[in-house]
PDB file of N, CA and C in Angstrom:
ATOM      1  N   MET A   1       0.822  -1.188   0.000  1.00  0.00           N
ATOM      2  CA  MET A   1       0.000   0.000   0.000  1.00  0.00           C
ATOM      3  C   MET A   1       0.870   1.257   0.000  1.00  0.00           C
ATOM      4  N   LEU A   2       1.859   1.313   0.881  1.00  0.00           N
ATOM      5  CA  LEU A   2       2.740   2.474   0.959  1.00  0.00           C
ATOM      6  C   LEU A   2       3.501   2.661  -0.344  1.00  0.00           C
ATOM      7  N   LYS A   3       3.962   1.543  -0.915  1.00  0.00           N
ATOM      8  CA  LYS A   3       4.695   1.613  -2.176  1.00  0.00           C
ATOM      9  C   LYS A   3       3.815   2.203  -3.278  1.00  0.00           C
ATOM     10  N   GLY A   4       2.535   1.843  -3.305  1.00  0.00           N
ATOM     11  CA  GLY A   4       1.604   2.386  -4.286  1.00  0.00           C
ATOM     12  C   GLY A   4       1.383   3.873  -4.103  1.00  0.00           C
ATOM     13  N   LEU A   5       1.277   4.302  -2.850  1.00  0.00           N
ATOM     14  CA  LEU A   5       1.105   5.732  -2.569  1.00  0.00           C
ATOM     15  C   LEU A   5       2.324   6.533  -3.006  1.00  0.00           C
ATOM     16  N   ILE A   6       3.504   5.948  -2.814  1.00  0.00           N
ATOM     17  CA  ILE A   6       4.738   6.623  -3.236  1.00  0.00           C
ATOM     18  C   ILE A   6       4.744   6.780  -4.755  1.00  0.00           C
ATOM     19  N   GLY A   7       4.324   5.746  -5.481  1.00  0.00           N
ATOM     20  CA  GLY A   7       4.260   5.829  -6.937  1.00  0.00           C
ATOM     21  C   GLY A   7       3.296   6.893  -7.409  1.00  0.00           C
ATOM     22  N   GLU A   8       2.128   6.977  -6.777  1.00  0.00           N
ATOM     23  CA  GLU A   8       1.143   7.998  -7.138  1.00  0.00           C
ATOM     24  C   GLU A   8       1.670   9.401  -6.832  1.00  0.00           C
ATOM     25  N   ALA A   9       2.329   9.568  -5.690  1.00  0.00           N
ATOM     26  CA  ALA A   9       2.873  10.875  -5.319  1.00  0.00           C
ATOM     27  C   ALA A   9       3.964  11.303  -6.297  1.00  0.00           C
ATOM     28  N   MET A  10       4.775  10.363  -6.753  1.00  0.00           N
ATOM     29  CA  MET A  10       5.826  10.687  -7.715  1.00  0.00           C
ATOM     30  C   MET A  10       5.213  11.144  -9.039  1.00  0.00           C
ATOM     31  N   GLY A  11       4.121  10.516  -9.472  1.00  0.00           N
ATOM     32  CA  GLY A  11       3.442  10.934 -10.694  1.00  0.00           C
ATOM     33  C   GLY A  11       2.871  12.326 -10.573  1.00  0.00           C
ATOM     34  N   SER A  12       2.285  12.622  -9.443  1.00  0.00           N
ATOM     35  CA  SER A  12       1.721  13.954  -9.199  1.00  0.00           C
ATOM     36  C   SER A  12       2.821  15.015  -9.177  1.00  0.00           C
ATOM     37  N   LEU A  13       3.923  14.711  -8.522  1.00  0.00           N
ATOM     38  CA  LEU A  13       5.050  15.639  -8.454  1.00  0.00           C
ATOM     39  C   LEU A  13       5.636  15.870  -9.844  1.00  0.00           C
ATOM     40  N   ALA A  14       5.786  14.814 -10.628  1.00  0.00           N
ATOM     41  CA  ALA A  14       6.336  14.945 -11.978  1.00  0.00           C
ATOM     42  C   ALA A  14       5.456  15.855 -12.829  1.00  0.00           C
ATOM     43  N   ALA A  15       4.144  15.709 -12.716  1.00  0.00           N
ATOM     44  CA  ALA A  15       3.224  16.564 -13.478  1.00  0.00           C
ATOM     45  C   ALA A  15       3.403  18.025 -13.090  1.00  0.00           C
ATOM     46  N   ARG A  16       3.558  18.303 -11.798  1.00  0.00           N
ATOM     47  CA  ARG A  16       3.734  19.692 -11.353  1.00  0.00           C
ATOM     48  C   ARG A  16       5.067  20.276 -11.794  1.00  0.00           C
ATOM     49  N   LEU A  17       6.114  19.437 -11.815  1.00  0.00           N
ATOM     50  CA  LEU A  17       7.445  19.936 -12.158  1.00  0.00           C
ATOM     51  C   LEU A  17       7.646  20.124 -13.662  1.00  0.00           C
ATOM     52  N   PHE A  18       7.049  19.254 -14.472  1.00  0.00           N
ATOM     53  CA  PHE A  18       7.383  19.231 -15.884  1.00  0.00           C
ATOM     54  C   PHE A  18       6.282  19.713 -16.830  1.00  0.00           C
ATOM     55  N   LEU A  19       5.070  19.903 -16.350  1.00  0.00           N
ATOM     56  CA  LEU A  19       3.981  20.338 -17.221  1.00  0.00           C
ATOM     57  C   LEU A  19       3.595  21.774 -16.908  1.00  0.00           C
ATOM     58  N   ASP A  20       3.502  22.581 -17.928  1.00  0.00           N
ATOM     59  CA  ASP A  20       3.141  23.989 -17.779  1.00  0.00           C
ATOM     60  C   ASP A  20       1.684  24.086 -17.325  1.00  0.00           C
ATOM     61  N   PRO A  21       1.420  24.647 -16.145  1.00  0.00           N
ATOM     62  CA  PRO A  21       0.044  24.721 -15.636  1.00  0.00           C
ATOM     63  C   PRO A  21      -0.872  25.614 -16.470  1.00  0.00           C
ATOM     64  N   LYS A  22      -0.299  26.429 -17.359  1.00  0.00           N
ATOM     65  CA  LYS A  22      -1.123  27.238 -18.255  1.00  0.00           C
ATOM     66  C   LYS A  22      -1.676  26.398 -19.401  1.00  0.00           C
ATOM     67  N   VAL A  23      -1.035  25.247 -19.656  1.00  0.00           N
ATOM     68  CA  VAL A  23      -1.415  24.381 -20.774  1.00  0.00           C
ATOM     69  C   VAL A  23      -2.087  23.093 -20.287  1.00  0.00           C
ATOM     70  N   TYR A  24      -1.657  22.590 -19.129  1.00  0.00           N
ATOM     71  CA  TYR A  24      -2.125  21.299 -18.620  1.00  0.00           C
ATOM     72  C   TYR A  24      -2.844  21.466 -17.282  1.00  0.00           C
ATOM     73  N   GLN A  25      -4.021  20.881 -17.175  1.00  0.00           N
ATOM     74  CA  GLN A  25      -4.772  20.853 -15.916  1.00  0.00           C
ATOM     75  C   GLN A  25      -4.711  19.420 -15.389  1.00  0.00           C
ATOM     76  N   SER A  26      -4.221  19.244 -14.186  1.00  0.00           N
ATOM     77  CA  SER A  26      -4.055  17.915 -13.608  1.00  0.00           C
ATOM     78  C   SER A  26      -5.110  17.646 -12.537  1.00  0.00           C
ATOM     79  N   LEU A  27      -5.765  16.511 -12.639  1.00  0.00           N
ATOM     80  CA  LEU A  27      -6.719  16.042 -11.631  1.00  0.00           C
ATOM     81  C   LEU A  27      -6.173  14.743 -11.060  1.00  0.00           C
ATOM     82  N   ASN A  28      -6.144  14.627  -9.749  1.00  0.00           N
ATOM     83  CA  ASN A  28      -5.573  13.445  -9.105  1.00  0.00           C
ATOM     84  C   ASN A  28      -6.616  12.701  -8.294  1.00  0.00           C
ATOM     85  N   ASN A  29      -6.467  11.364  -8.242  1.00  0.00           N
ATOM     86  CA  ASN A  29      -7.361  10.491  -7.478  1.00  0.00           C
ATOM     87  C   ASN A  29      -8.825  10.722  -7.844  1.00  0.00           C
ATOM     88  N   VAL A  30      -9.121  10.564  -9.112  1.00  0.00           N
ATOM     89  CA  VAL A  30     -10.471  10.758  -9.638  1.00  0.00           C
ATOM     90  C   VAL A  30     -11.267   9.467  -9.462  1.00  0.00           C
ATOM     91  N   THR A  31     -12.443   9.543  -8.849  1.00  0.00           N
ATOM     92  CA  THR A  31     -13.321   8.377  -8.679  1.00  0.00           C
ATOM     93  C   THR A  31     -14.512   8.523  -9.607  1.00  0.00           C
ATOM     94  N   LEU A  32     -14.765   7.469 -10.391  1.00  0.00           N
ATOM     95  CA  LEU A  32     -15.878   7.464 -11.333  1.00  0.00           C
ATOM     96  C   LEU A  32     -16.853   6.360 -10.980  1.00  0.00           C
ATOM     97  N   ASN A  33     -18.142   6.630 -11.138  1.00  0.00           N
ATOM     98  CA  ASN A  33     -19.160   5.592 -10.977  1.00  0.00           C
ATOM     99  C   ASN A  33     -19.226   4.779 -12.257  1.00  0.00           C
ATOM    100  N   THR A  34     -19.321   3.460 -12.124  1.00  0.00           N
ATOM    101  CA  THR A  34     -19.452   2.561 -13.272  1.00  0.00           C
ATOM    102  C   THR A  34     -20.643   1.639 -13.029  1.00  0.00           C
ATOM    103  N   ALA A  35     -20.968   0.837 -14.012  1.00  0.00           N
ATOM    104  CA  ALA A  35     -22.062  -0.120 -13.877  1.00  0.00           C
ATOM    105  C   ALA A  35     -21.758  -1.160 -12.797  1.00  0.00           C
ATOM    106  N   ASN A  36     -20.469  -1.389 -12.515  1.00  0.00           N
ATOM    107  CA  ASN A  36     -20.054  -2.391 -11.527  1.00  0.00           C
ATOM    108  C   ASN A  36     -19.632  -1.787 -10.192  1.00  0.00           C
ATOM    109  N   GLY A  37     -19.916  -0.531  -9.960  1.00  0.00           N
ATOM    110  CA  GLY A  37     -19.494   0.127  -8.714  1.00  0.00           C
ATOM    111  C   GLY A  37     -18.732   1.396  -9.042  1.00  0.00           C
ATOM    112  N   THR A  38     -17.521   1.510  -8.497  1.00  0.00           N
ATOM    113  CA  THR A  38     -16.689   2.680  -8.774  1.00  0.00           C
ATOM    114  C   THR A  38     -15.310   2.231  -9.225  1.00  0.00           C
ATOM    115  N   THR A  39     -14.593   3.144  -9.854  1.00  0.00           N
ATOM    116  CA  THR A  39     -13.199   2.911 -10.208  1.00  0.00           C
ATOM    117  C   THR A  39     -12.426   4.183  -9.909  1.00  0.00           C
ATOM    118  N   GLN A  40     -11.173   4.044  -9.548  1.00  0.00           N
ATOM    119  CA  GLN A  40     -10.334   5.178  -9.191  1.00  0.00           C
ATOM    120  C   GLN A  40      -9.229   5.314 -10.223  1.00  0.00           C
ATOM    121  N   ILE A  41      -8.999   6.543 -10.686  1.00  0.00           N
ATOM    122  CA  ILE A  41      -7.926   6.839 -11.637  1.00  0.00           C
ATOM    123  C   ILE A  41      -6.916   7.726 -10.924  1.00  0.00           C
ATOM    124  N   ASP A  42      -5.646   7.363 -11.010  1.00  0.00           N
ATOM    125  CA  ASP A  42      -4.604   8.105 -10.292  1.00  0.00           C
ATOM    126  C   ASP A  42      -4.468   9.543 -10.785  1.00  0.00           C
ATOM    127  N   HIS A  43      -4.330   9.719 -12.102  1.00  0.00           N
ATOM    128  CA  HIS A  43      -4.116  11.062 -12.639  1.00  0.00           C
ATOM    129  C   HIS A  43      -4.849  11.215 -13.966  1.00  0.00           C
ATOM    130  N   VAL A  44      -5.530  12.337 -14.147  1.00  0.00           N
ATOM    131  CA  VAL A  44      -6.121  12.711 -15.428  1.00  0.00           C
ATOM    132  C   VAL A  44      -5.551  14.080 -15.757  1.00  0.00           C
ATOM    133  N   ILE A  45      -4.912  14.177 -16.923  1.00  0.00           N
ATOM    134  CA  ILE A  45      -4.323  15.439 -17.344  1.00  0.00           C
ATOM    135  C   ILE A  45      -5.063  15.905 -18.594  1.00  0.00           C
ATOM    136  N   VAL A  46      -5.584  17.128 -18.541  1.00  0.00           N
ATOM    137  CA  VAL A  46      -6.379  17.686 -19.629  1.00  0.00           C
ATOM    138  C   VAL A  46      -5.610  18.854 -20.245  1.00  0.00           C
ATOM    139  N   SER A  47      -5.540  18.876 -21.574  1.00  0.00           N
ATOM    140  CA  SER A  47      -4.895  19.983 -22.275  1.00  0.00           C
ATOM    141  C   SER A  47      -5.507  20.116 -23.659  1.00  0.00           C
ATOM    142  N   ARG A  48      -5.061  21.100 -24.397  1.00  0.00           N
ATOM    143  CA  ARG A  48      -5.543  21.258 -25.764  1.00  0.00           C
ATOM    144  C   ARG A  48      -5.031  20.129 -26.665  1.00  0.00           C
ATOM    145  N   PHE A  49      -4.065  19.364 -26.172  1.00  0.00           N
ATOM    146  CA  PHE A  49      -3.505  18.250 -26.923  1.00  0.00           C
ATOM    147  C   PHE A  49      -4.267  16.951 -26.709  1.00  0.00           C
ATOM    148  N   GLY A  50      -5.148  16.913 -25.712  1.00  0.00           N
ATOM    149  CA  GLY A  50      -5.928  15.716 -25.431  1.00  0.00           C
ATOM    150  C   GLY A  50      -6.116  15.496 -23.945  1.00  0.00           C
ATOM    151  N   ILE A  51      -6.723  14.372 -23.634  1.00  0.00           N
ATOM    152  CA  ILE A  51      -6.938  13.951 -22.246  1.00  0.00           C
ATOM    153  C   ILE A  51      -6.067  12.733 -22.012  1.00  0.00           C
ATOM    154  N   PHE A  52      -5.240  12.789 -20.994  1.00  0.00           N
ATOM    155  CA  PHE A  52      -4.307  11.718 -20.684  1.00  0.00           C
ATOM    156  C   PHE A  52      -4.704  11.077 -19.362  1.00  0.00           C
ATOM    157  N   VAL A  53      -4.895   9.775 -19.372  1.00  0.00           N
ATOM    158  CA  VAL A  53      -5.281   9.024 -18.184  1.00  0.00           C
ATOM    159  C   VAL A  53      -4.067   8.203 -17.754  1.00  0.00           C
ATOM    160  N   ILE A  54      -3.633   8.401 -16.508  1.00  0.00           N
ATOM    161  CA  ILE A  54      -2.408   7.769 -16.027  1.00  0.00           C
ATOM    162  C   ILE A  54      -2.708   6.937 -14.784  1.00  0.00           C
ATOM    163  N   GLU A  55      -2.333   5.676 -14.846  1.00  0.00           N
ATOM    164  CA  GLU A  55      -2.411   4.776 -13.691  1.00  0.00           C
ATOM    165  C   GLU A  55      -0.980   4.525 -13.247  1.00  0.00           C
ATOM    166  N   ALA A  56      -0.618   4.968 -12.065  1.00  0.00           N
ATOM    167  CA  ALA A  56       0.755   4.851 -11.571  1.00  0.00           C
ATOM    168  C   ALA A  56       0.943   3.530 -10.827  1.00  0.00           C
ATOM    169  N   LYS A  57       2.021   2.853 -11.140  1.00  0.00           N
ATOM    170  CA  LYS A  57       2.403   1.628 -10.440  1.00  0.00           C
ATOM    171  C   LYS A  57       3.848   1.775  -9.997  1.00  0.00           C
ATOM    172  N   ASN A  58       4.169   1.239  -8.854  1.00  0.00           N
ATOM    173  CA  ASN A  58       5.527   1.314  -8.312  1.00  0.00           C
ATOM    174  C   ASN A  58       5.985  -0.111  -8.014  1.00  0.00           C
ATOM    175  N   TYR A  59       6.279  -0.864  -9.060  1.00  0.00           N
ATOM    176  CA  TYR A  59       6.676  -2.265  -8.926  1.00  0.00           C
ATOM    177  C   TYR A  59       8.142  -2.427  -9.282  1.00  0.00           C
ATOM    178  N   GLN A  60       8.731  -3.488  -8.779  1.00  0.00           N
ATOM    179  CA  GLN A  60      10.092  -3.855  -9.151  1.00  0.00           C
ATOM    180  C   GLN A  60      10.097  -5.313  -9.587  1.00  0.00           C
ATOM    181  N   GLY A  61      11.204  -5.762 -10.140  1.00  0.00           N
ATOM    182  CA  GLY A  61      11.290  -7.138 -10.614  1.00  0.00           C
ATOM    183  C   GLY A  61      10.728  -7.252 -12.021  1.00  0.00           C
ATOM    184  N   TRP A  62      10.318  -8.467 -12.399  1.00  0.00           N
ATOM    185  CA  TRP A  62       9.762  -8.734 -13.719  1.00  0.00           C
ATOM    186  C   TRP A  62       8.247  -8.810 -13.612  1.00  0.00           C
ATOM    187  N   ILE A  63       7.567  -8.208 -14.575  1.00  0.00           N
ATOM    188  CA  ILE A  63       6.104  -8.248 -14.622  1.00  0.00           C
ATOM    189  C   ILE A  63       5.701  -9.046 -15.857  1.00  0.00           C
ATOM    190  N   PHE A  64       4.851 -10.068 -15.653  1.00  0.00           N
ATOM    191  CA  PHE A  64       4.393 -10.918 -16.749  1.00  0.00           C
ATOM    192  C   PHE A  64       2.881 -10.838 -16.861  1.00  0.00           C
ATOM    193  N   GLY A  65       2.383 -10.701 -18.086  1.00  0.00           N
ATOM    194  CA  GLY A  65       0.948 -10.692 -18.318  1.00  0.00           C
ATOM    195  C   GLY A  65       0.635 -10.082 -19.665  1.00  0.00           C
ATOM    196  N   SER A  66      -0.515 -10.437 -20.200  1.00  0.00           N
ATOM    197  CA  SER A  66      -0.948  -9.857 -21.470  1.00  0.00           C
ATOM    198  C   SER A  66      -2.122  -8.929 -21.200  1.00  0.00           C
ATOM    199  N   GLU A  67      -2.482  -8.132 -22.193  1.00  0.00           N
ATOM    200  CA  GLU A  67      -3.573  -7.178 -22.001  1.00  0.00           C
ATOM    201  C   GLU A  67      -4.902  -7.864 -21.746  1.00  0.00           C
ATOM    202  N   SER A  68      -5.057  -9.130 -22.157  1.00  0.00           N
ATOM    203  CA  SER A  68      -6.341  -9.817 -21.979  1.00  0.00           C
ATOM    204  C   SER A  68      -6.430 -10.633 -20.688  1.00  0.00           C
ATOM    205  N   GLN A  69      -5.320 -10.852 -20.002  1.00  0.00           N
ATOM    206  CA  GLN A  69      -5.347 -11.626 -18.758  1.00  0.00           C
ATOM    207  C   GLN A  69      -5.922 -10.799 -17.613  1.00  0.00           C
ATOM    208  N   ALA A  70      -6.729 -11.437 -16.766  1.00  0.00           N
ATOM    209  CA  ALA A  70      -7.324 -10.752 -15.614  1.00  0.00           C
ATOM    210  C   ALA A  70      -6.274 -10.395 -14.572  1.00  0.00           C
ATOM    211  N   GLU A  71      -5.249 -11.238 -14.421  1.00  0.00           N
ATOM    212  CA  GLU A  71      -4.200 -10.989 -13.430  1.00  0.00           C
ATOM    213  C   GLU A  71      -2.829 -11.050 -14.086  1.00  0.00           C
ATOM    214  N   TRP A  72      -1.914 -10.244 -13.569  1.00  0.00           N
ATOM    215  CA  TRP A  72      -0.518 -10.292 -13.975  1.00  0.00           C
ATOM    216  C   TRP A  72       0.289 -10.829 -12.800  1.00  0.00           C
ATOM    217  N   THR A  73       1.542 -11.217 -13.076  1.00  0.00           N
ATOM    218  CA  THR A  73       2.410 -11.777 -12.043  1.00  0.00           C
ATOM    219  C   THR A  73       3.684 -10.951 -11.929  1.00  0.00           C
ATOM    220  N   GLN A  74       4.017 -10.612 -10.706  1.00  0.00           N
ATOM    221  CA  GLN A  74       5.271  -9.929 -10.400  1.00  0.00           C
ATOM    222  C   GLN A  74       6.232 -10.993  -9.885  1.00  0.00           C
ATOM    223  N   SER A  75       7.443 -11.058 -10.457  1.00  0.00           N
ATOM    224  CA  SER A  75       8.447 -12.025 -10.048  1.00  0.00           C
ATOM    225  C   SER A  75       9.648 -11.274  -9.482  1.00  0.00           C
ATOM    226  N   LEU A  76       9.977 -11.575  -8.215  1.00  0.00           N
ATOM    227  CA  LEU A  76      11.079 -10.893  -7.525  1.00  0.00           C
ATOM    228  C   LEU A  76      12.266 -11.830  -7.360  1.00  0.00           C
ATOM    229  N   LYS A  77      13.395 -11.274  -6.975  1.00  0.00           N
ATOM    230  CA  LYS A  77      14.581 -12.070  -6.683  1.00  0.00           C
ATOM    231  C   LYS A  77      14.233 -13.115  -5.623  1.00  0.00           C
ATOM    232  N   GLY A  78      14.883 -14.249  -5.686  1.00  0.00           N
ATOM    233  CA  GLY A  78      14.625 -15.298  -4.715  1.00  0.00           C
ATOM    234  C   GLY A  78      13.415 -16.148  -5.079  1.00  0.00           C
ATOM    235  N   GLY A  79      12.844 -15.922  -6.256  1.00  0.00           N
ATOM    236  CA  GLY A  79      11.728 -16.737  -6.712  1.00  0.00           C
ATOM    237  C   GLY A  79      10.367 -16.366  -6.150  1.00  0.00           C
ATOM    238  N   ARG A  80      10.285 -15.256  -5.427  1.00  0.00           N
ATOM    239  CA  ARG A  80       8.977 -14.851  -4.890  1.00  0.00           C
ATOM    240  C   ARG A  80       8.110 -14.296  -6.019  1.00  0.00           C
ATOM    241  N   LYS A  81       6.851 -14.714  -6.040  1.00  0.00           N
ATOM    242  CA  LYS A  81       5.916 -14.271  -7.076  1.00  0.00           C
ATOM    243  C   LYS A  81       4.618 -13.806  -6.436  1.00  0.00           C
ATOM    244  N   PHE A  82       4.052 -12.750  -7.018  1.00  0.00           N
ATOM    245  CA  PHE A  82       2.808 -12.181  -6.521  1.00  0.00           C
ATOM    246  C   PHE A  82       1.900 -11.865  -7.699  1.00  0.00           C
ATOM    247  N   LYS A  83       0.625 -12.158  -7.555  1.00  0.00           N
ATOM    248  CA  LYS A  83      -0.352 -11.840  -8.584  1.00  0.00           C
ATOM    249  C   LYS A  83      -1.046 -10.531  -8.217  1.00  0.00           C
ATOM    250  N   PHE A  84      -1.416  -9.741  -9.243  1.00  0.00           N
ATOM    251  CA  PHE A  84      -2.159  -8.513  -9.028  1.00  0.00           C
ATOM    252  C   PHE A  84      -3.073  -8.279 -10.215  1.00  0.00           C
ATOM    253  N   GLN A  85      -4.100  -7.478 -10.015  1.00  0.00           N
ATOM    254  CA  GLN A  85      -5.091  -7.213 -11.058  1.00  0.00           C
ATOM    255  C   GLN A  85      -4.450  -6.489 -12.231  1.00  0.00           C
ATOM    256  N   ASN A  86      -4.803  -6.904 -13.441  1.00  0.00           N
ATOM    257  CA  ASN A  86      -4.323  -6.267 -14.659  1.00  0.00           C
ATOM    258  C   ASN A  86      -4.762  -4.806 -14.663  1.00  0.00           C
ATOM    259  N   PRO A  87      -3.845  -3.839 -14.656  1.00  0.00           N
ATOM    260  CA  PRO A  87      -4.220  -2.428 -14.595  1.00  0.00           C
ATOM    261  C   PRO A  87      -4.908  -1.933 -15.871  1.00  0.00           C
ATOM    262  N   LEU A  88      -4.835  -2.687 -16.956  1.00  0.00           N
ATOM    263  CA  LEU A  88      -5.492  -2.291 -18.197  1.00  0.00           C
ATOM    264  C   LEU A  88      -6.995  -2.597 -18.184  1.00  0.00           C
ATOM    265  N   ARG A  89      -7.407  -3.453 -17.270  1.00  0.00           N
ATOM    266  CA  ARG A  89      -8.818  -3.877 -17.239  1.00  0.00           C
ATOM    267  C   ARG A  89      -9.605  -2.974 -16.376  1.00  0.00           C
TER     268      ARG A  89
END
């Protein structure tokens, strides 16, 4: 959980440092209602160039999975493996 918060904070900081606030409007931790409940988006950046939706992840090791798989696998040193929800879904 803490690692995820650090990743989200780094994305927010990067947007403030590198994007001109006169051109880009940043919205963070946006919650949307869906047919299945709610979903949370880490960052939405709006500009005249388009709308950019960013999901921040702070993982290490190897990540395995395809866009159609429900879960991906994180593989760390020492053979430890963890499954997590596919962020594209």
